[in-house]
C-alpha atoms as a PDB file:
ATOM      1  CA  MET A   1    -198.679 -14.072 129.853  1.00  0.00           C
ATOM      2  CA  LEU A   2    -198.979 -17.286 130.101  1.00  0.00           C
ATOM      3  CA  LYS A   3    -200.567 -18.734 126.764  1.00  0.00           C
ATOM      4  CA  HIS A   4    -204.055 -20.352 126.571  1.00  0.00           C
ATOM      5  CA  LYS A   5    -204.120 -20.972 130.896  1.00  0.00           C
ATOM      6  CA  GLY A   6    -204.304 -17.124 131.605  1.00  0.00           C
ATOM      7  CA  LYS A   7    -202.111 -14.721 133.602  1.00  0.00           C
ATOM      8  CA  ILE A   8    -200.081 -16.110 136.456  1.00  0.00           C
ATOM      9  CA  LEU A   9    -197.598 -13.274 137.624  1.00  0.00           C
ATOM     10  CA  GLY A  10    -194.335 -13.216 139.809  1.00  0.00           C
ATOM     11  CA  TYR A  11    -193.914 -17.061 140.193  1.00  0.00           C
ATOM     12  CA  THR A  12    -190.813 -18.456 141.264  1.00  0.00           C
ATOM     13  CA  ILE A  13    -190.167 -22.377 139.334  1.00  0.00           C
ATOM     14  CA  LEU A  14    -190.039 -24.203 142.368  1.00  0.00           C
ATOM     15  CA  THR A  15    -190.217 -27.579 143.633  1.00  0.00           C
ATOM     16  CA  SER A  16    -190.399 -29.625 146.907  1.00  0.00           C
ATOM     17  CA  ALA A  17    -186.873 -30.780 146.367  1.00  0.00           C
ATOM     18  CA  ILE A  18    -184.969 -27.788 148.019  1.00  0.00           C
ATOM     19  CA  VAL A  19    -187.018 -28.468 151.319  1.00  0.00           C
ATOM     20  CA  LEU A  20    -187.117 -32.381 151.294  1.00  0.00           C
ATOM     21  CA  SER A  21    -183.600 -32.287 150.456  1.00  0.00           C
ATOM     22  CA  GLY A  22    -181.541 -33.046 153.564  1.00  0.00           C
ATOM     23  CA  CYS A  23    -180.578 -29.723 155.600  1.00  0.00           C
ATOM     24  CA  GLY A  24    -183.538 -28.920 157.670  1.00  0.00           C
ATOM     25  CA  LEU A  25    -184.501 -25.259 157.649  1.00  0.00           C
ATOM     26  CA  LEU A  26    -184.447 -24.889 161.708  1.00  0.00           C
ATOM     27  CA  GLY A  27    -184.211 -28.222 164.556  1.00  0.00           C
ATOM     28  CA  GLY A  28    -186.477 -29.049 167.074  1.00  0.00           C
ATOM     29  CA  GLU A  29    -185.566 -26.933 170.429  1.00  0.00           C
ATOM     30  CA  THR A  30    -184.994 -28.761 173.770  1.00  0.00           C
ATOM     31  CA  LYS A  31    -186.415 -26.688 176.667  1.00  0.00           C
ATOM     32  CA  GLN A  32    -183.677 -25.655 179.391  1.00  0.00           C
ATOM     33  CA  LYS A  33    -183.897 -25.357 183.033  1.00  0.00           C
ATOM     34  CA  ILE A  34    -183.680 -21.556 184.120  1.00  0.00           C
ATOM     35  CA  ASP A  35    -182.421 -22.190 187.527  1.00  0.00           C
ATOM     36  CA  PRO A  36    -179.562 -22.443 187.866  1.00  0.00           C
ATOM     37  CA  PRO A  37    -178.261 -20.352 185.269  1.00  0.00           C
ATOM     38  CA  LYS A  38    -175.545 -21.918 182.722  1.00  0.00           C
ATOM     39  CA  THR A  39    -173.196 -20.406 180.129  1.00  0.00           C
ATOM     40  CA  ILE A  40    -174.713 -19.546 176.962  1.00  0.00           C
ATOM     41  CA  SER A  41    -172.565 -20.655 174.312  1.00  0.00           C
ATOM     42  CA  VAL A  42    -172.538 -19.094 170.791  1.00  0.00           C
ATOM     43  CA  ALA A  43    -172.291 -21.148 167.797  1.00  0.00           C
ATOM     44  CA  ASP A  44    -169.245 -20.094 165.523  1.00  0.00           C
ATOM     45  CA  PRO A  45    -170.638 -18.874 162.648  1.00  0.00           C
ATOM     46  CA  LYS A  46    -167.808 -19.985 160.088  1.00  0.00           C
ATOM     47  CA  GLU A  47    -167.781 -23.153 161.254  1.00  0.00           C
ATOM     48  CA  SER A  48    -171.394 -23.218 160.883  1.00  0.00           C
ATOM     49  CA  LYS A  49    -171.053 -22.178 157.232  1.00  0.00           C
ATOM     50  CA  LYS A  50    -168.064 -25.182 157.398  1.00  0.00           C
ATOM     51  CA  THR A  51    -170.453 -27.470 158.504  1.00  0.00           C
ATOM     52  CA  ALA A  52    -173.019 -26.587 155.823  1.00  0.00           C
ATOM     53  CA  ALA A  53    -170.383 -26.900 153.070  1.00  0.00           C
ATOM     54  CA  LYS A  54    -169.344 -30.337 154.360  1.00  0.00           C
ATOM     55  CA  ASN A  55    -173.220 -31.487 153.793  1.00  0.00           C
ATOM     56  CA  THR A  56    -173.013 -30.108 150.821  1.00  0.00           C
ATOM     57  CA  GLU A  57    -169.810 -32.125 149.623  1.00  0.00           C
ATOM     58  CA  ASN A  58    -171.549 -35.267 150.855  1.00  0.00           C
ATOM     59  CA  THR A  59    -174.486 -34.980 148.142  1.00  0.00           C
ATOM     60  CA  VAL A  60    -174.429 -34.594 144.332  1.00  0.00           C
ATOM     61  CA  LYS A  61    -177.689 -32.919 142.132  1.00  0.00           C
ATOM     62  CA  THR A  62    -179.337 -35.360 140.307  1.00  0.00           C
ATOM     63  CA  GLU A  63    -182.189 -35.145 137.750  1.00  0.00           C
ATOM     64  CA  LEU A  64    -184.729 -38.465 138.406  1.00  0.00           C
ATOM     65  CA  TYR A  65    -187.139 -38.082 136.142  1.00  0.00           C
ATOM     66  CA  LEU A  66    -190.342 -38.942 137.761  1.00  0.00           C
ATOM     67  CA  ILE A  67    -194.506 -39.025 137.355  1.00  0.00           C
ATOM     68  CA  ASP A  68    -196.359 -35.590 138.389  1.00  0.00           C
ATOM     69  CA  LYS A  69    -200.185 -35.842 138.757  1.00  0.00           C
ATOM     70  CA  ASN A  70    -200.954 -35.338 135.508  1.00  0.00           C
ATOM     71  CA  GLY A  71    -198.637 -38.338 134.086  1.00  0.00           C
ATOM     72  CA  TYR A  72    -196.100 -36.174 132.567  1.00  0.00           C
ATOM     73  CA  VAL A  73    -191.969 -37.414 132.992  1.00  0.00           C
ATOM     74  CA  VAL A  74    -190.770 -34.798 134.591  1.00  0.00           C
ATOM     75  CA  PRO A  75    -187.238 -34.042 136.167  1.00  0.00           C
ATOM     76  CA  GLN A  76    -186.796 -33.360 139.906  1.00  0.00           C
ATOM     77  CA  THR A  77    -183.370 -32.493 140.923  1.00  0.00           C
ATOM     78  CA  LEU A  78    -182.666 -33.842 144.301  1.00  0.00           C
ATOM     79  CA  ASN A  79    -179.629 -33.970 146.619  1.00  0.00           C
ATOM     80  CA  LEU A  80    -178.624 -37.518 146.985  1.00  0.00           C
ATOM     81  CA  PRO A  81    -175.695 -39.086 148.973  1.00  0.00           C
ATOM     82  CA  ALA A  82    -172.540 -39.043 147.392  1.00  0.00           C
ATOM     83  CA  THR A  83    -171.792 -42.272 145.839  1.00  0.00           C
ATOM     84  CA  LYS A  84    -169.595 -43.387 143.267  1.00  0.00           C
ATOM     85  CA  SER A  85    -172.604 -45.569 141.253  1.00  0.00           C
ATOM     86  CA  VAL A  86    -174.619 -42.271 140.521  1.00  0.00           C
ATOM     87  CA  ALA A  87    -175.957 -44.141 137.511  1.00  0.00           C
ATOM     88  CA  LYS A  88    -177.448 -47.267 139.962  1.00  0.00           C
ATOM     89  CA  GLN A  89    -178.329 -44.631 142.680  1.00  0.00           C
ATOM     90  CA  ALA A  90    -179.818 -42.364 139.981  1.00  0.00           C
ATOM     91  CA  LEU A  91    -182.591 -45.379 139.160  1.00  0.00           C
ATOM     92  CA  ASP A  92    -182.803 -47.027 142.524  1.00  0.00           C
ATOM     93  CA  TYR A  93    -184.285 -43.545 143.853  1.00  0.00           C
ATOM     94  CA  LEU A  94    -186.918 -44.464 140.837  1.00  0.00           C
ATOM     95  CA  VAL A  95    -187.885 -47.714 142.487  1.00  0.00           C
ATOM     96  CA  VAL A  96    -191.650 -47.132 144.347  1.00  0.00           C
ATOM     97  CA  ASN A  97    -190.946 -46.832 147.940  1.00  0.00           C
ATOM     98  CA  GLY A  98    -188.009 -46.945 147.654  1.00  0.00           C
ATOM     99  CA  PRO A  99    -185.306 -44.593 149.441  1.00  0.00           C
ATOM    100  CA  VAL A 100    -186.970 -41.882 147.079  1.00  0.00           C
ATOM    101  CA  ALA A 101    -190.344 -42.629 149.275  1.00  0.00           C
ATOM    102  CA  GLU A 102    -189.206 -39.568 151.952  1.00  0.00           C
ATOM    103  CA  SER A 103    -188.456 -36.403 149.634  1.00  0.00           C
ATOM    104  CA  LEU A 104    -190.686 -37.068 146.588  1.00  0.00           C
ATOM    105  CA  PRO A 105    -191.824 -33.468 145.696  1.00  0.00           C
ATOM    106  CA  ASN A 106    -195.642 -32.789 146.133  1.00  0.00           C
ATOM    107  CA  GLY A 107    -197.759 -34.722 143.333  1.00  0.00           C
ATOM    108  CA  PHE A 108    -195.192 -36.903 142.086  1.00  0.00           C
ATOM    109  CA  LYS A 109    -194.469 -40.755 142.013  1.00  0.00           C
ATOM    110  CA  ALA A 110    -191.840 -42.702 141.381  1.00  0.00           C
ATOM    111  CA  VAL A 111    -191.916 -44.970 138.301  1.00  0.00           C
ATOM    112  CA  LEU A 112    -190.400 -48.979 138.933  1.00  0.00           C
ATOM    113  CA  PRO A 113    -192.366 -51.636 140.511  1.00  0.00           C
ATOM    114  CA  GLU A 114    -191.548 -51.939 144.359  1.00  0.00           C
ATOM    115  CA  GLY A 115    -189.207 -54.447 145.108  1.00  0.00           C
ATOM    116  CA  THR A 116    -187.356 -53.856 141.973  1.00  0.00           C
ATOM    117  CA  ASP A 117    -183.514 -54.450 142.064  1.00  0.00           C
ATOM    118  CA  LEU A 118    -181.112 -53.746 139.039  1.00  0.00           C
ATOM    119  CA  SER A 119    -177.733 -53.292 137.722  1.00  0.00           C
ATOM    120  CA  VAL A 120    -176.287 -51.054 136.054  1.00  0.00           C
ATOM    121  CA  ASP A 121    -172.919 -51.640 133.564  1.00  0.00           C
ATOM    122  CA  VAL A 122    -171.833 -48.959 131.242  1.00  0.00           C
ATOM    123  CA  ALA A 123    -169.542 -49.388 128.441  1.00  0.00           C
ATOM    124  CA  ASP A 124    -168.366 -46.781 125.470  1.00  0.00           C
ATOM    125  CA  GLY A 125    -171.243 -44.695 126.447  1.00  0.00           C
ATOM    126  CA  VAL A 126    -174.168 -47.362 126.576  1.00  0.00           C
ATOM    127  CA  ALA A 127    -176.162 -47.957 130.115  1.00  0.00           C
ATOM    128  CA  THR A 128    -176.753 -51.452 130.458  1.00  0.00           C
ATOM    129  CA  VAL A 129    -179.406 -52.078 132.675  1.00  0.00           C
ATOM    130  CA  ASN A 130    -180.372 -55.433 134.005  1.00  0.00           C
ATOM    131  CA  PHE A 131    -183.722 -55.744 136.140  1.00  0.00           C
ATOM    132  CA  SER A 132    -185.259 -58.333 138.617  1.00  0.00           C
ATOM    133  CA  LYS A 133    -188.633 -60.423 137.943  1.00  0.00           C
ATOM    134  CA  GLU A 134    -190.262 -57.142 139.895  1.00  0.00           C
ATOM    135  CA  PHE A 135    -189.917 -55.381 137.065  1.00  0.00           C
ATOM    136  CA  LYS A 136    -192.325 -56.532 135.520  1.00  0.00           C
ATOM    137  CA  ASN A 137    -195.424 -55.335 137.908  1.00  0.00           C
ATOM    138  CA  TYR A 138    -196.079 -52.391 136.931  1.00  0.00           C
ATOM    139  CA  GLN A 139    -199.255 -50.913 135.445  1.00  0.00           C
ATOM    140  CA  PRO A 140    -200.137 -51.465 131.177  1.00  0.00           C
ATOM    141  CA  GLU A 141    -200.707 -47.286 131.410  1.00  0.00           C
ATOM    142  CA  ASP A 142    -196.786 -46.301 132.796  1.00  0.00           C
ATOM    143  CA  GLU A 143    -195.294 -49.245 130.214  1.00  0.00           C
ATOM    144  CA  GLN A 144    -193.782 -46.104 127.636  1.00  0.00           C
ATOM    145  CA  ARG A 145    -193.454 -43.490 131.134  1.00  0.00           C
ATOM    146  CA  ILE A 146    -190.813 -46.242 132.277  1.00  0.00           C
ATOM    147  CA  LEU A 147    -188.935 -46.368 129.115  1.00  0.00           C
ATOM    148  CA  GLN A 148    -188.657 -42.671 129.072  1.00  0.00           C
ATOM    149  CA  SER A 149    -187.971 -42.252 132.904  1.00  0.00           C
ATOM    150  CA  VAL A 150    -185.043 -44.881 132.549  1.00  0.00           C
ATOM    151  CA  THR A 151    -183.920 -43.406 129.525  1.00  0.00           C
ATOM    152  CA  TRP A 152    -183.566 -39.434 130.251  1.00  0.00           C
ATOM    153  CA  THR A 153    -182.339 -40.191 134.341  1.00  0.00           C
ATOM    154  CA  LEU A 154    -179.587 -42.152 133.114  1.00  0.00           C
ATOM    155  CA  THR A 155    -178.385 -39.706 129.982  1.00  0.00           C
ATOM    156  CA  GLN A 156    -178.199 -36.637 132.278  1.00  0.00           C
ATOM    157  CA  PHE A 157    -174.862 -38.537 132.860  1.00  0.00           C
ATOM    158  CA  ASP A 158    -171.765 -36.983 130.516  1.00  0.00           C
ATOM    159  CA  ASN A 159    -170.471 -40.471 130.133  1.00  0.00           C
ATOM    160  CA  ILE A 160    -174.108 -42.497 129.192  1.00  0.00           C
ATOM    161  CA  ASN A 161    -175.469 -41.708 125.525  1.00  0.00           C
ATOM    162  CA  SER A 162    -177.579 -44.542 125.411  1.00  0.00           C
ATOM    163  CA  VAL A 163    -178.837 -47.372 127.393  1.00  0.00           C
ATOM    164  CA  LYS A 164    -179.903 -51.045 126.788  1.00  0.00           C
ATOM    165  CA  LEU A 165    -182.450 -53.019 128.913  1.00  0.00           C
ATOM    166  CA  LYS A 166    -182.316 -56.980 130.445  1.00  0.00           C
ATOM    167  CA  LEU A 167    -184.350 -58.544 132.464  1.00  0.00           C
ATOM    168  CA  ASN A 168    -183.034 -61.265 134.873  1.00  0.00           C
ATOM    169  CA  GLY A 169    -179.938 -60.908 132.096  1.00  0.00           C
ATOM    170  CA  HIS A 170    -181.830 -61.535 129.281  1.00  0.00           C
ATOM    171  CA  PRO A 171    -182.196 -59.289 126.657  1.00  0.00           C
ATOM    172  CA  LEU A 172    -185.618 -57.074 126.160  1.00  0.00           C
ATOM    173  CA  THR A 173    -187.032 -56.446 122.816  1.00  0.00           C
ATOM    174  CA  GLN A 174    -189.822 -55.374 123.795  1.00  0.00           C
ATOM    175  CA  MET A 175    -191.605 -54.289 127.197  1.00  0.00           C
ATOM    176  CA  PRO A 176    -192.796 -57.233 129.238  1.00  0.00           C
ATOM    177  CA  VAL A 177    -196.948 -56.244 129.924  1.00  0.00           C
ATOM    178  CA  LYS A 178    -198.096 -54.268 126.613  1.00  0.00           C
ATOM    179  CA  GLY A 179    -195.326 -55.240 124.272  1.00  0.00           C
ATOM    180  CA  THR A 180    -193.834 -52.299 123.428  1.00  0.00           C
ATOM    181  CA  PRO A 181    -190.814 -52.566 121.459  1.00  0.00           C
ATOM    182  CA  ILE A 182    -187.933 -51.453 122.541  1.00  0.00           C
ATOM    183  CA  SER A 183    -185.011 -50.524 120.263  1.00  0.00           C
ATOM    184  CA  GLU A 184    -181.448 -51.591 120.120  1.00  0.00           C
ATOM    185  CA  ASN A 185    -180.273 -48.246 122.250  1.00  0.00           C
ATOM    186  CA  LEU A 186    -182.660 -45.913 123.693  1.00  0.00           C
ATOM    187  CA  SER A 187    -181.612 -42.616 123.823  1.00  0.00           C
ATOM    188  CA  ARG A 188    -183.300 -38.815 124.260  1.00  0.00           C
ATOM    189  CA  ALA A 189    -184.127 -38.859 120.472  1.00  0.00           C
ATOM    190  CA  ALA A 190    -186.707 -41.284 120.666  1.00  0.00           C
ATOM    191  CA  GLY A 191    -188.472 -38.634 122.772  1.00  0.00           C
ATOM    192  CA  ILE A 192    -190.697 -38.105 125.885  1.00  0.00           C
ATOM    193  CA  ASN A 193    -194.287 -37.227 126.896  1.00  0.00           C
ATOM    194  CA  PHE A 194    -195.491 -37.673 123.092  1.00  0.00           C
ATOM    195  CA  ASP A 195    -197.858 -35.323 121.740  1.00  0.00           C
ATOM    196  CA  LEU A 196    -198.998 -36.410 118.687  1.00  0.00           C
ATOM    197  CA  THR A 197    -202.191 -34.078 117.747  1.00  0.00           C
ATOM    198  CA  ASP A 198    -202.965 -32.947 114.701  1.00  0.00           C
ATOM    199  CA  VAL A 199    -200.158 -35.580 113.668  1.00  0.00           C
ATOM    200  CA  VAL A 200    -201.937 -37.426 110.445  1.00  0.00           C
ATOM    201  CA  ASP A 201    -198.682 -39.871 109.155  1.00  0.00           C
ATOM    202  CA  ILE A 202    -196.116 -39.930 111.513  1.00  0.00           C
ATOM    203  CA  THR A 203    -193.764 -41.852 108.799  1.00  0.00           C
ATOM    204  CA  ASN A 204    -193.079 -38.829 107.252  1.00  0.00           C
ATOM    205  CA  THR A 205    -192.524 -36.684 110.604  1.00  0.00           C
ATOM    206  CA  LYS A 206    -189.216 -36.492 112.934  1.00  0.00           C
ATOM    207  CA  PRO A 207    -189.197 -35.339 116.769  1.00  0.00           C
ATOM    208  CA  VAL A 208    -188.495 -31.804 118.149  1.00  0.00           C
ATOM    209  CA  THR A 209    -188.655 -31.946 121.972  1.00  0.00           C
ATOM    210  CA  VAL A 210    -189.301 -28.576 123.530  1.00  0.00           C
ATOM    211  CA  TYR A 211    -190.210 -27.400 127.332  1.00  0.00           C
ATOM    212  CA  PHE A 212    -193.331 -26.000 128.563  1.00  0.00           C
ATOM    213  CA  ILE A 213    -194.971 -25.200 131.893  1.00  0.00           C
ATOM    214  CA  GLY A 214    -196.305 -27.515 134.166  1.00  0.00           C
ATOM    215  CA  GLY A 215    -197.466 -27.415 137.946  1.00  0.00           C
ATOM    216  CA  GLU A 216    -199.680 -25.273 139.827  1.00  0.00           C
ATOM    217  CA  GLU A 217    -199.120 -21.794 141.707  1.00  0.00           C
ATOM    218  CA  GLY A 218    -196.062 -22.287 144.017  1.00  0.00           C
ATOM    219  CA  SER A 219    -194.759 -25.548 142.802  1.00  0.00           C
ATOM    220  CA  TYR A 220    -194.448 -24.484 139.008  1.00  0.00           C
ATOM    221  CA  TYR A 221    -191.874 -26.819 137.077  1.00  0.00           C
ATOM    222  CA  TYR A 222    -190.474 -27.040 133.189  1.00  0.00           C
ATOM    223  CA  VAL A 223    -191.547 -30.403 131.189  1.00  0.00           C
ATOM    224  CA  PRO A 224    -190.180 -31.838 128.111  1.00  0.00           C
ATOM    225  CA  VAL A 225    -192.342 -32.301 125.743  1.00  0.00           C
ATOM    226  CA  THR A 226    -191.722 -33.986 121.789  1.00  0.00           C
ATOM    227  CA  ARG A 227    -193.763 -32.914 119.006  1.00  0.00           C
ATOM    228  CA  ARG A 228    -193.609 -34.394 115.557  1.00  0.00           C
ATOM    229  CA  VAL A 229    -192.591 -31.854 112.365  1.00  0.00           C
ATOM    230  CA  SER A 230    -192.557 -32.508 109.308  1.00  0.00           C
ATOM    231  CA  ASN A 231    -189.559 -34.100 107.971  1.00  0.00           C
ATOM    232  CA  SER A 232    -189.468 -31.401 105.051  1.00  0.00           C
ATOM    233  CA  GLU A 233    -188.465 -28.943 107.700  1.00  0.00           C
ATOM    234  CA  LYS A 234    -184.903 -28.006 106.834  1.00  0.00           C
ATOM    235  CA  ASP A 235    -183.798 -26.150 109.871  1.00  0.00           C
ATOM    236  CA  ASN A 236    -184.114 -28.038 113.347  1.00  0.00           C
ATOM    237  CA  ILE A 237    -183.839 -24.707 115.987  1.00  0.00           C
ATOM    238  CA  ALA A 238    -185.996 -22.922 113.662  1.00  0.00           C
ATOM    239  CA  ALA A 239    -188.893 -25.841 113.942  1.00  0.00           C
ATOM    240  CA  ALA A 240    -188.432 -25.974 117.758  1.00  0.00           C
ATOM    241  CA  VAL A 241    -188.763 -22.344 118.314  1.00  0.00           C
ATOM    242  CA  THR A 242    -192.222 -22.600 115.885  1.00  0.00           C
ATOM    243  CA  GLU A 243    -193.787 -25.719 118.317  1.00  0.00           C
ATOM    244  CA  LEU A 244    -192.410 -23.152 121.390  1.00  0.00           C
ATOM    245  CA  VAL A 245    -194.941 -19.917 120.148  1.00  0.00           C
ATOM    246  CA  LYS A 246    -197.581 -22.605 118.920  1.00  0.00           C
ATOM    247  CA  GLY A 247    -197.981 -23.536 122.734  1.00  0.00           C
ATOM    248  CA  PRO A 248    -199.269 -26.942 124.388  1.00  0.00           C
ATOM    249  CA  SER A 249    -202.258 -28.362 123.588  1.00  0.00           C
ATOM    250  CA  GLU A 250    -205.664 -27.234 124.410  1.00  0.00           C
ATOM    251  CA  LYS A 251    -206.127 -30.735 126.236  1.00  0.00           C
ATOM    252  CA  SER A 252    -202.569 -30.560 128.483  1.00  0.00           C
ATOM    253  CA  ASN A 253    -202.621 -29.170 131.281  1.00  0.00           C
ATOM    254  CA  LEU A 254    -199.130 -27.264 130.398  1.00  0.00           C
ATOM    255  CA  VAL A 255    -198.755 -23.377 129.743  1.00  0.00           C
ATOM    256  CA  SER A 256    -196.401 -21.220 128.025  1.00  0.00           C
ATOM    257  CA  GLU A 257    -195.395 -17.811 127.712  1.00  0.00           C
ATOM    258  CA  PHE A 258    -194.924 -17.098 124.261  1.00  0.00           C
ATOM    259  CA  MET A 259    -197.265 -15.824 122.574  1.00  0.00           C
ATOM    260  CA  SER A 260    -198.677 -16.444 119.121  1.00  0.00           C
ATOM    261  CA  ASP A 261    -197.057 -13.418 117.392  1.00  0.00           C
ATOM    262  CA  VAL A 262    -194.324 -13.931 118.255  1.00  0.00           C
ATOM    263  CA  LYS A 263    -191.686 -14.440 114.852  1.00  0.00           C
ATOM    264  CA  LEU A 264    -188.213 -14.865 114.041  1.00  0.00           C
ATOM    265  CA  LEU A 265    -186.718 -12.183 111.884  1.00  0.00           C
ATOM    266  CA  ASP A 266    -183.615 -14.385 110.761  1.00  0.00           C
ATOM    267  CA  PRO A 267    -182.648 -17.726 110.286  1.00  0.00           C
ATOM    268  CA  PRO A 268    -180.578 -19.175 113.396  1.00  0.00           C
ATOM    269  CA  LYS A 269    -177.350 -18.452 113.288  1.00  0.00           C
ATOM    270  CA  VAL A 270    -175.102 -20.962 114.493  1.00  0.00           C
ATOM    271  CA  GLU A 271    -171.390 -20.906 115.165  1.00  0.00           C
ATOM    272  CA  ASP A 272    -169.247 -22.794 117.405  1.00  0.00           C
ATOM    273  CA  GLY A 273    -171.884 -24.351 119.552  1.00  0.00           C
ATOM    274  CA  LYS A 274    -174.124 -20.941 119.803  1.00  0.00           C
ATOM    275  CA  VAL A 275    -176.865 -20.372 118.336  1.00  0.00           C
ATOM    276  CA  THR A 276    -178.004 -16.458 117.352  1.00  0.00           C
ATOM    277  CA  LEU A 277    -182.149 -15.850 117.314  1.00  0.00           C
ATOM    278  CA  ASN A 278    -183.436 -12.414 115.935  1.00  0.00           C
ATOM    279  CA  PHE A 279    -186.861 -11.911 117.210  1.00  0.00           C
ATOM    280  CA  ASN A 280    -189.715  -9.480 116.645  1.00  0.00           C
ATOM    281  CA  LYS A 281    -190.771  -7.116 119.461  1.00  0.00           C
ATOM    282  CA  ASN A 282    -193.565  -9.504 120.334  1.00  0.00           C
ATOM    283  CA  VAL A 283    -190.759 -11.224 122.369  1.00  0.00           C
ATOM    284  CA  TYR A 284    -191.407  -8.832 124.948  1.00  0.00           C
ATOM    285  CA  GLY A 285    -192.897  -9.447 128.190  1.00  0.00           C
ATOM    286  CA  SER A 286    -193.645  -6.126 128.898  1.00  0.00           C
ATOM    287  CA  PHE A 287    -193.812  -3.675 125.816  1.00  0.00           C
ATOM    288  CA  GLU A 288    -193.375  -0.441 127.966  1.00  0.00           C
ATOM    289  CA  GLU A 289    -189.988  -1.689 129.813  1.00  0.00           C
ATOM    290  CA  LYS A 290    -189.345  -4.073 126.755  1.00  0.00           C
ATOM    291  CA  VAL A 291    -188.006  -6.964 128.635  1.00  0.00           C
ATOM    292  CA  ILE A 292    -188.147 -10.182 128.016  1.00  0.00           C
ATOM    293  CA  SER A 293    -189.491 -13.181 130.661  1.00  0.00           C
ATOM    294  CA  GLN A 294    -187.210 -14.607 132.668  1.00  0.00           C
ATOM    295  CA  HIS A 295    -189.335 -17.631 132.183  1.00  0.00           C
ATOM    296  CA  LEU A 296    -189.579 -17.515 128.238  1.00  0.00           C
ATOM    297  CA  LEU A 297    -185.932 -17.383 128.167  1.00  0.00           C
ATOM    298  CA  ASP A 298    -185.785 -20.537 130.367  1.00  0.00           C
ATOM    299  CA  ALA A 299    -188.335 -22.516 128.327  1.00  0.00           C
ATOM    300  CA  LEU A 300    -186.056 -21.364 125.025  1.00  0.00           C
ATOM    301  CA  VAL A 301    -182.768 -22.463 126.625  1.00  0.00           C
ATOM    302  CA  LEU A 302    -183.870 -25.499 128.062  1.00  0.00           C
ATOM    303  CA  THR A 303    -185.619 -26.058 124.523  1.00  0.00           C
ATOM    304  CA  LEU A 304    -182.606 -25.042 122.024  1.00  0.00           C
ATOM    305  CA  THR A 305    -179.693 -26.922 123.931  1.00  0.00           C
ATOM    306  CA  GLU A 306    -181.826 -30.312 124.091  1.00  0.00           C
ATOM    307  CA  GLN A 307    -180.462 -30.129 120.183  1.00  0.00           C
ATOM    308  CA  LYS A 308    -177.112 -31.328 118.935  1.00  0.00           C
ATOM    309  CA  GLY A 309    -174.341 -29.093 119.110  1.00  0.00           C
ATOM    310  CA  ILE A 310    -176.104 -26.307 120.955  1.00  0.00           C
ATOM    311  CA  GLU A 311    -174.788 -25.399 124.545  1.00  0.00           C
ATOM    312  CA  LYS A 312    -175.632 -21.524 124.134  1.00  0.00           C
ATOM    313  CA  VAL A 313    -178.197 -19.467 123.035  1.00  0.00           C
ATOM    314  CA  ALA A 314    -178.001 -15.606 122.077  1.00  0.00           C
ATOM    315  CA  VAL A 315    -181.015 -13.910 122.228  1.00  0.00           C
ATOM    316  CA  GLN A 316    -181.660 -10.582 120.244  1.00  0.00           C
ATOM    317  CA  VAL A 317    -184.878  -8.304 119.139  1.00  0.00           C
ATOM    318  CA  ASN A 318    -184.895  -6.626 116.253  1.00  0.00           C
ATOM    319  CA  GLY A 319    -181.380  -6.821 115.787  1.00  0.00           C
ATOM    320  CA  LYS A 320    -180.532  -5.256 119.451  1.00  0.00           C
ATOM    321  CA  ALA A 321    -178.553  -7.490 122.002  1.00  0.00           C
ATOM    322  CA  GLU A 322    -178.787  -5.012 124.514  1.00  0.00           C
ATOM    323  CA  ILE A 323    -181.967  -6.011 126.086  1.00  0.00           C
ATOM    324  CA  LYS A 324    -182.825  -7.751 129.847  1.00  0.00           C
ATOM    325  CA  SER A 325    -185.102 -10.172 131.548  1.00  0.00           C
ATOM    326  CA  ASP A 326    -187.667  -9.336 133.559  1.00  0.00           C
ATOM    327  CA  GLN A 327    -185.735 -10.188 136.590  1.00  0.00           C
ATOM    328  CA  GLY A 328    -183.299  -7.902 135.885  1.00  0.00           C
ATOM    329  CA  LYS A 329    -180.891 -10.380 133.747  1.00  0.00           C
ATOM    330  CA  ASN A 330    -178.689  -8.676 131.270  1.00  0.00           C
ATOM    331  CA  LEU A 331    -179.192 -10.984 127.953  1.00  0.00           C
ATOM    332  CA  SER A 332    -176.132  -9.299 126.133  1.00  0.00           C
ATOM    333  CA  GLU A 333    -174.487 -12.564 126.495  1.00  0.00           C
ATOM    334  CA  PRO A 334    -175.639 -16.197 125.476  1.00  0.00           C
ATOM    335  CA  VAL A 335    -177.095 -17.800 127.651  1.00  0.00           C
ATOM    336  CA  THR A 336    -176.091 -21.677 128.747  1.00  0.00           C
ATOM    337  CA  ARG A 337    -178.104 -24.361 129.941  1.00  0.00           C
ATOM    338  CA  PRO A 338    -178.318 -24.865 133.447  1.00  0.00           C
ATOM    339  CA  GLU A 339    -175.961 -28.190 134.918  1.00  0.00           C
ATOM    340  CA  LYS A 340    -179.713 -29.848 136.550  1.00  0.00           C
ATOM    341  CA  VAL A 341    -183.502 -29.009 135.436  1.00  0.00           C
ATOM    342  CA  ASN A 342    -185.940 -27.995 138.383  1.00  0.00           C
ATOM    343  CA  THR A 343    -183.806 -27.177 141.116  1.00  0.00           C
ATOM    344  CA  GLY A 344    -185.778 -24.238 142.528  1.00  0.00           C
ATOM    345  CA  SER A 345    -183.356 -22.138 140.615  1.00  0.00           C
ATOM    346  CA  PHE A 346    -183.917 -22.407 136.817  1.00  0.00           C
END
């Protein structure tokens, strides 16, 4: 059951990126004359597979942080042409009416102003982006979204940990329209899609990013949201689980499959990049079948692997690891984060 927003059954997290990413489903056919008869040649299935494999080899799956119709900055994985300049290409695909125009998922839009040119220089884990003067032509309400989109798009790459921005060769210390301050090195630690509900004193809090579900029937996707939790919270993993259980804000368009009575029976255990969580039985999506919702599991894994040093998530219920997801997957082994998010398969 999706918390706060009613119940959605049997959906699959899909994006139109799969259909729009390159290989068509069925090509158009031209009519042939019947008389005189022609020799019909049948394509070799092995050759068809080779062609498909070759097409796949010429593309690379890339996360583009785009804006959905509700204003959230959301990763959408598209197959982009293979290139050595993957960081620059990713940002080029964030430009309005740029190369991404024909492959935008339904309801999404690019974030960088039309006509923006840019360069990207990567050194020592820092990507320095130099924008042309057109970068200033954005709407004031999109200022934070642009910062988040550029930062999260670039930091998907293993060799990029933080980002610096320039405009016409000059370092940017604040955004040019509304003046949002820009830290020397932008990173994911600053957060994304801020939810400041019930936050009274932000100075005594720290960020934690969790994943909820956005979209609509037939095109659901995971949305990262950054909450603020008290600095007194010593266990960041437990704090993240608590925020997942709380669910999205009632004012948002997001949903969750965590119910409010889900609890951790023990403190999270972390060892060699793996965190083990022991939940009460209320984590089950079905008490009769004793299975865990795959979508709940997906949100949990995405959330916890945002934490530094966490690579795998092991789930137990009442101390037992022999459990399954509602899609039949055995959860006795730890679950790792997918290489890319919102691909249509996770």
